């Protein structure tokens, strides 16, 4: 198939593009500038590069900013589009940029898909369009709800936009939860979510270790240990997206989530082992313990994620189970060993970078 992908320079987009190439597809990948385009192209094996066509453009622009020549050549040539490009920020001050890319960018991409007559449009959203609720469903949510941040809200609005084009093309939505590294290699090209936490704790440990007797002192992180953390390896999310290409149902929503997510106690235990930080201690948000200034600073830096660390969310995945069965694949089974292997991949990358 000829497949167009937005967001191909990102963590998930790059993994999906590699998997699509491995399956023999020809790709048209949107990149914002020449450097990103060159880096992306050279990330693929040389034998695959003849099937990679880079389109210079930007989802925030009309016709995605691609040239008239490219636009003409793509007409009726694309069999499916993946729209992955997004602006991932929880910062309220960045709401205008978040809205422009996630909502207006999705509208531009849908209009582009219609203009080139792409028959299938797969939108990568987020499981957290659920907002502040805790019982999810593989269906559209009412956008008139309470959200934790602008990112969730804009992705929810974009989902409604996608399904508004369902009379024009086949539309499918895939909702990943918190994407982490590859389950086989541990590779992760991101500093967000779990990796923001790992990076912050590594810095905390490095600073603390300069003080004599630091290993006999405990370092407290605010987290509810009984709450689940819905972590999913990037290769699993990519496998759901691949299945959706050939077996996804029109106007269906698929949760690319962890059916048995680890507790945050398990996540912290894995972090302690991987970072060799045994005196890291999780304490509840309502703790009566007095935190040190260093601990206050660290926990304040993690405050954007606190809402996700305070509640377990159920993400039913019946649609996804049926989808994966069609391609002979089972749903995710992530144990402590896999989680440690993925985190260890981050630690190795960090060591190589220093």
Protein backbone atom coordinates (compact mmCIF):
# COMPACT_ATOMS: atom_id res chain seq x y z
CA UNK A 1 0.00 0.00 0.00
CA UNK A 2 0.90 3.66 -0.36
CA UNK A 3 0.59 5.19 3.10
CA UNK A 4 0.95 8.79 4.26
CA UNK A 5 2.03 9.42 7.86
CA UNK A 6 2.06 12.70 9.78
CA UNK A 7 4.18 12.84 12.92
CA UNK A 8 6.64 10.33 11.46
CA UNK A 9 9.58 12.14 13.05
CA UNK A 10 8.19 11.48 16.54
CA UNK A 11 8.67 8.53 18.87
CA UNK A 12 5.60 6.51 17.83
CA UNK A 13 5.57 7.73 14.23
CA UNK A 14 9.13 6.58 13.60
CA UNK A 15 8.43 3.13 15.06
CA UNK A 16 5.24 2.73 13.04
CA UNK A 17 7.01 3.85 9.85
CA UNK A 18 9.73 1.25 10.39
CA UNK A 19 7.14 -1.47 10.95
CA UNK A 20 5.22 -0.43 7.82
CA UNK A 21 8.43 -0.59 5.77
CA UNK A 22 9.17 -4.05 7.17
CA UNK A 23 5.78 -5.14 5.85
CA UNK A 24 6.62 -3.88 2.35
CA UNK A 25 4.54 -0.68 2.20
CA UNK A 26 5.58 2.52 0.42
CA UNK A 27 5.56 5.57 2.67
CA UNK A 28 4.96 9.29 2.26
CA UNK A 29 6.19 10.95 5.42
CA UNK A 30 5.51 14.55 6.42
CA UNK A 31 8.47 16.45 7.92
CA UNK A 32 8.61 20.12 8.92
CA UNK A 33 12.10 20.90 7.63
CA UNK A 34 15.06 19.53 5.67
CA UNK A 35 17.02 18.47 8.77
CA UNK A 36 14.15 16.48 10.23
CA UNK A 37 13.57 14.97 6.81
CA UNK A 38 17.20 13.94 6.41
CA UNK A 39 17.45 12.52 9.94
CA UNK A 40 14.25 10.55 9.42
CA UNK A 41 15.31 9.12 6.07
CA UNK A 42 18.70 8.04 7.40
CA UNK A 43 17.09 6.33 10.40
CA UNK A 44 15.82 3.64 8.01
CA UNK A 45 17.87 0.81 6.54
CA UNK A 46 19.33 1.70 3.16
CA UNK A 47 17.37 -1.10 1.46
CA UNK A 48 14.11 0.55 2.56
CA UNK A 49 14.87 4.14 1.56
CA UNK A 50 13.68 3.76 -2.03
CA UNK A 51 10.18 3.23 -0.61
CA UNK A 52 10.29 6.39 1.53
CA UNK A 53 9.14 9.70 0.07
CA UNK A 54 9.56 12.77 2.27
CA UNK A 55 6.99 15.56 2.04
CA UNK A 56 8.07 18.90 3.46
CA UNK A 57 5.10 20.43 5.24
CA UNK A 58 3.30 21.27 8.46
CA UNK A 59 -0.12 20.14 9.70
CA UNK A 60 -0.89 23.63 10.96
CA UNK A 61 -0.93 24.93 7.36
CA UNK A 62 -3.53 24.65 4.60
CA UNK A 63 -2.90 21.60 2.42
CA UNK A 64 -0.34 20.69 5.10
CA UNK A 65 1.99 23.19 3.46
CA UNK A 66 3.04 20.69 0.79
CA UNK A 67 3.92 21.92 -2.69
CA UNK A 68 1.32 21.96 -5.47
CA UNK A 69 3.44 19.44 -7.33
CA UNK A 70 3.39 17.01 -4.38
CA UNK A 71 -0.31 17.58 -3.88
CA UNK A 72 -1.04 16.71 -7.51
CA UNK A 73 1.11 13.58 -7.44
CA UNK A 74 -0.66 12.29 -4.33
CA UNK A 75 -4.16 12.58 -5.78
CA UNK A 76 -5.84 9.13 -5.64
CA UNK A 77 -2.45 7.56 -4.92
CA UNK A 78 -2.68 7.15 -1.14
CA UNK A 79 -4.44 4.05 0.22
CA UNK A 80 -4.47 5.16 3.87
CA UNK A 81 -3.34 7.99 6.13
CA UNK A 82 -2.11 7.87 9.71
CA UNK A 83 -2.45 11.18 11.52
CA UNK A 84 -0.05 11.03 14.49
CA UNK A 85 1.32 14.60 14.57
CA UNK A 86 0.36 16.35 17.81
CA UNK A 87 1.50 19.02 20.23
CA UNK A 88 2.08 17.28 23.56
CA UNK A 89 2.02 19.89 26.32
CA UNK A 90 0.18 20.10 29.63
CA UNK A 91 1.16 23.75 30.10
CA UNK A 92 -1.92 26.06 30.21
CA UNK A 93 0.19 28.88 28.75
CA UNK A 94 0.64 26.81 25.60
CA UNK A 95 -3.06 26.29 24.94
CA UNK A 96 -3.00 28.32 21.66
CA UNK A 97 -0.25 26.12 20.19
CA UNK A 98 -1.91 22.95 21.51
CA UNK A 99 -5.23 23.91 19.92
CA UNK A 100 -3.64 25.00 16.64
CA UNK A 101 -1.80 21.71 16.10
CA UNK A 102 -4.20 19.21 17.68
CA UNK A 103 -7.52 20.63 16.50
CA UNK A 104 -6.82 22.88 13.51
CA UNK A 105 -4.01 20.57 12.41
CA UNK A 106 -6.40 17.60 12.44
CA UNK A 107 -8.95 19.60 10.45
CA UNK A 108 -6.25 20.49 7.88
CA UNK A 109 -5.17 16.84 7.67
CA UNK A 110 -8.74 15.64 7.16
CA UNK A 111 -9.29 18.23 4.41
CA UNK A 112 -6.03 17.10 2.82
CA UNK A 113 -7.15 13.47 2.97
CA UNK A 114 -10.42 14.42 1.30
CA UNK A 115 -8.62 16.47 -1.38
CA UNK A 116 -6.31 13.58 -2.38
CA UNK A 117 -9.17 11.07 -1.98
CA UNK A 118 -7.58 8.88 0.64
CA UNK A 119 -10.10 6.11 1.40
CA UNK A 120 -8.95 5.45 4.97
CA UNK A 121 -7.94 7.77 7.82
CA UNK A 122 -6.49 6.43 11.08
CA UNK A 123 -6.24 8.98 13.86
CA UNK A 124 -3.93 8.48 16.83
CA UNK A 125 -5.57 10.08 19.85
CA UNK A 126 -5.01 9.39 23.55
CA UNK A 127 -6.82 7.20 26.06
CA UNK A 128 -6.94 10.26 28.31
CA UNK A 129 -9.69 11.98 26.32
CA UNK A 130 -11.66 10.46 29.21
CA UNK A 131 -10.78 13.60 31.18
CA UNK A 132 -11.18 13.44 34.95
CA UNK A 133 -13.41 10.36 34.95
CA UNK A 134 -12.21 6.84 35.74
CA UNK A 135 -14.43 4.48 33.70
CA UNK A 136 -13.51 4.58 30.03
CA UNK A 137 -15.25 3.27 26.91
CA UNK A 138 -14.24 2.59 23.31
CA UNK A 139 -16.58 5.30 22.06
CA UNK A 140 -16.57 9.07 21.69
CA UNK A 141 -16.72 11.11 24.89
CA UNK A 142 -18.78 14.24 25.26
CA UNK A 143 -16.31 17.15 24.90
CA UNK A 144 -18.38 19.12 27.42
CA UNK A 145 -16.62 17.44 30.31
CA UNK A 146 -13.88 18.22 32.78
CA UNK A 147 -10.35 17.66 31.51
CA UNK A 148 -7.05 17.53 33.35
CA UNK A 149 -5.30 19.68 30.76
CA UNK A 150 -5.55 21.28 27.32
CA UNK A 151 -3.93 18.32 25.62
CA UNK A 152 -6.75 15.97 26.64
CA UNK A 153 -9.40 18.50 25.61
CA UNK A 154 -7.93 19.20 22.18
CA UNK A 155 -7.52 15.50 21.41
CA UNK A 156 -11.17 14.91 22.36
CA UNK A 157 -12.29 17.73 20.06
CA UNK A 158 -10.13 16.28 17.29
CA UNK A 159 -11.78 12.86 17.68
CA UNK A 160 -15.16 14.43 16.97
CA UNK A 161 -13.71 16.16 13.92
CA UNK A 162 -12.40 12.84 12.61
CA UNK A 163 -15.74 11.08 12.88
CA UNK A 164 -17.48 14.06 11.25
CA UNK A 165 -15.70 12.95 8.04
CA UNK A 166 -17.07 9.41 8.24
CA UNK A 167 -19.37 9.90 5.25
CA UNK A 168 -16.37 10.88 3.12
CA UNK A 169 -13.80 8.22 4.08
CA UNK A 170 -13.30 5.31 6.47
CA UNK A 171 -12.32 6.75 9.85
CA UNK A 172 -10.69 4.87 12.73
CA UNK A 173 -9.41 6.14 16.08
CA UNK A 174 -6.67 4.45 18.11
CA UNK A 175 -6.15 5.64 21.69
CA UNK A 176 -2.80 4.78 23.30
CA UNK A 177 -2.26 5.34 27.01
CA UNK A 178 1.24 6.23 28.35
CA UNK A 179 3.73 5.12 25.72
CA UNK A 180 7.06 3.79 26.93
CA UNK A 181 10.06 2.13 25.24
CA UNK A 182 10.23 -0.87 22.97
CA UNK A 183 9.51 -4.11 24.86
CA UNK A 184 12.31 -5.93 23.02
CA UNK A 185 15.08 -3.30 22.86
CA UNK A 186 14.08 -0.81 25.55
CA UNK A 187 14.71 1.97 23.01
CA UNK A 188 12.76 5.16 23.72
CA UNK A 189 13.03 8.44 21.84
CA UNK A 190 11.12 10.57 24.34
CA UNK A 191 11.60 12.56 27.54
CA UNK A 192 7.93 12.66 28.52
CA UNK A 193 5.83 10.70 31.02
CA UNK A 194 7.81 7.87 32.62
CA UNK A 195 11.00 9.25 31.09
CA UNK A 196 10.50 12.67 32.64
CA UNK A 197 10.25 10.88 35.99
CA UNK A 198 13.32 8.72 35.36
CA UNK A 199 15.35 11.70 34.19
CA UNK A 200 14.32 13.77 37.21
CA UNK A 201 15.14 10.98 39.66
CA UNK A 202 18.51 10.40 38.05
CA UNK A 203 19.33 14.08 38.57
CA UNK A 204 18.03 13.95 42.16
CA UNK A 205 20.22 10.94 42.91
CA UNK A 206 23.29 12.55 41.34
CA UNK A 207 22.87 15.70 43.44
CA UNK A 208 22.09 13.76 46.60
CA UNK A 209 25.13 11.50 46.20
CA UNK A 210 27.43 14.50 46.58
CA UNK A 211 26.41 14.68 50.23
CA UNK A 212 28.15 12.41 52.75
CA UNK A 213 25.84 9.77 54.18
CA UNK A 214 23.25 10.28 51.42
CA UNK A 215 22.75 6.53 51.09
CA UNK A 216 21.42 6.37 54.66
CA UNK A 217 18.84 9.10 54.05
CA UNK A 218 15.49 8.46 52.39
CA UNK A 219 14.28 10.49 49.39
CA UNK A 220 10.53 10.76 49.16
CA UNK A 221 8.40 10.89 46.04
CA UNK A 222 4.70 11.76 46.23
CA UNK A 223 2.71 8.95 44.62
CA UNK A 224 -0.25 6.74 45.51
CA UNK A 225 1.28 3.27 45.40
CA UNK A 226 -2.04 1.41 44.94
CA UNK A 227 -2.97 3.40 41.83
CA UNK A 228 -2.36 1.76 38.46
CA UNK A 229 -0.13 3.34 35.83
CA UNK A 230 -1.27 2.46 32.32
CA UNK A 231 2.07 2.02 30.56
CA UNK A 232 2.24 0.55 27.04
CA UNK A 233 5.37 -0.31 25.02
CA UNK A 234 5.69 1.59 21.74
CA UNK A 235 5.95 -1.63 19.72
CA UNK A 236 2.60 -2.81 21.09
CA UNK A 237 0.92 0.46 20.10
CA UNK A 238 2.47 0.17 16.64
CA UNK A 239 1.13 -3.38 16.32
CA UNK A 240 -2.42 -2.15 17.06
CA UNK A 241 -2.00 0.58 14.43
CA UNK A 242 -0.76 -1.99 11.89
CA UNK A 243 -3.77 -4.22 12.57
CA UNK A 244 -6.10 -1.24 12.16
CA UNK A 245 -4.71 -0.62 8.68
CA UNK A 246 -6.06 -3.87 7.27
CA UNK A 247 -8.67 -5.02 9.79
CA UNK A 248 -9.92 -1.89 11.55
CA UNK A 249 -13.67 -1.29 11.36
CA UNK A 250 -15.10 1.96 10.04
CA UNK A 251 -16.04 4.43 12.83
CA UNK A 252 -14.52 2.19 15.50
CA UNK A 253 -12.34 3.23 18.43
CA UNK A 254 -9.53 1.01 19.73
CA UNK A 255 -7.78 1.37 23.09
CA UNK A 256 -4.07 0.62 22.73
CA UNK A 257 -3.78 0.31 26.49
CA UNK A 258 -2.47 -2.10 29.11
CA UNK A 259 -5.23 -4.55 30.21
CA UNK A 260 -3.31 -5.34 33.43
CA UNK A 261 -1.41 -2.14 34.22
CA UNK A 262 1.29 -2.17 36.90
CA UNK A 263 0.68 -0.50 40.24
CA UNK A 264 2.78 2.53 40.97
CA UNK A 265 4.40 0.54 43.76
CA UNK A 266 5.73 -1.85 41.12
CA UNK A 267 6.83 1.06 38.94
CA UNK A 268 8.74 2.61 41.85
CA UNK A 269 10.30 -0.77 42.74
CA UNK A 270 11.54 -1.11 39.15
CA UNK A 271 12.93 2.43 39.16
CA UNK A 272 14.80 1.77 42.42
CA UNK A 273 16.39 -1.30 40.87
CA UNK A 274 17.27 0.25 37.50
CA UNK A 275 18.64 3.51 38.91
CA UNK A 276 20.25 1.74 41.89
CA UNK A 277 18.35 4.11 44.18
CA UNK A 278 17.22 1.85 47.08
CA UNK A 279 16.49 4.74 49.44
CA UNK A 280 13.80 6.18 47.17
CA UNK A 281 10.56 6.02 49.17
CA UNK A 282 7.02 6.57 47.85
CA UNK A 283 4.76 8.52 50.23
CA UNK A 284 1.09 9.46 49.81
CA UNK A 285 0.11 12.94 48.68
CA UNK A 286 -1.58 13.48 52.06
CA UNK A 287 1.61 12.69 53.96
CA UNK A 288 2.23 14.33 57.32
CA UNK A 289 5.97 13.99 56.81
CA UNK A 290 7.89 17.19 56.29
CA UNK A 291 9.65 17.12 52.94
CA UNK A 292 13.09 18.61 52.52
CA UNK A 293 13.51 21.58 50.16
CA UNK A 294 15.18 19.22 47.68
CA UNK A 295 12.22 16.83 47.83
CA UNK A 296 9.74 19.69 47.51
CA UNK A 297 11.56 20.91 44.43
CA UNK A 298 11.57 17.51 42.78
CA UNK A 299 7.92 16.77 43.54
CA UNK A 300 6.89 20.23 42.34
CA UNK A 301 8.62 19.52 39.03
CA UNK A 302 6.44 16.41 38.66
CA UNK A 303 3.16 18.20 39.50
CA UNK A 304 1.94 18.09 35.87
CA UNK A 305 1.63 14.30 36.24
CA UNK A 306 0.10 14.21 39.72
CA UNK A 307 -3.47 13.90 38.46
CA UNK A 308 -2.49 10.65 36.72
CA UNK A 309 -0.72 9.39 39.84
CA UNK A 310 -3.80 9.82 42.05
CA UNK A 311 -6.41 7.65 40.28
CA UNK A 312 -6.69 4.33 38.54
CA UNK A 313 -8.54 4.48 35.22
CA UNK A 314 -10.28 1.55 33.52
CA UNK A 315 -9.85 1.37 29.76
CA UNK A 316 -11.99 -1.45 28.29
CA UNK A 317 -10.34 -2.92 25.20
CA UNK A 318 -12.89 -5.36 23.75
CA UNK A 319 -12.61 -3.79 20.28
CA UNK A 320 -8.82 -4.06 20.39
CA UNK A 321 -8.90 -7.70 21.49
CA UNK A 322 -11.15 -8.56 18.52
CA UNK A 323 -8.93 -6.57 16.18
CA UNK A 324 -5.76 -8.32 17.32
CA UNK A 325 -7.42 -11.74 17.10
CA UNK A 326 -8.02 -11.09 13.41
CA UNK A 327 -4.27 -10.82 12.84
CA UNK A 328 -3.37 -13.68 15.19
CA UNK A 329 -1.99 -11.48 17.95
CA UNK A 330 -2.78 -11.43 21.66
CA UNK A 331 -3.20 -8.39 23.86
CA UNK A 332 -0.33 -6.96 25.85
CA UNK A 333 1.11 -8.95 28.76
CA UNK A 334 3.63 -6.80 30.60
CA UNK A 335 5.33 -8.13 33.71
CA UNK A 336 8.01 -6.75 36.02
CA UNK A 337 10.78 -8.27 33.92
CA UNK A 338 9.59 -6.45 30.79
CA UNK A 339 9.20 -3.17 32.67
CA UNK A 340 12.73 -3.39 34.09
CA UNK A 341 14.12 -4.24 30.63
CA UNK A 342 12.41 -1.17 29.13
CA UNK A 343 13.66 1.12 31.91
CA UNK A 344 17.14 -0.37 31.57
CA UNK A 345 17.08 0.64 27.93
CA UNK A 346 16.58 4.24 29.04
CA UNK A 347 19.45 3.96 31.52
CA UNK A 348 21.78 2.59 28.82
CA UNK A 349 20.83 5.43 26.47
CA UNK A 350 21.51 7.94 29.27
CA UNK A 351 24.95 6.46 29.93
CA UNK A 352 25.83 6.54 26.22
CA UNK A 353 24.73 10.18 26.04
CA UNK A 354 27.05 11.29 28.87
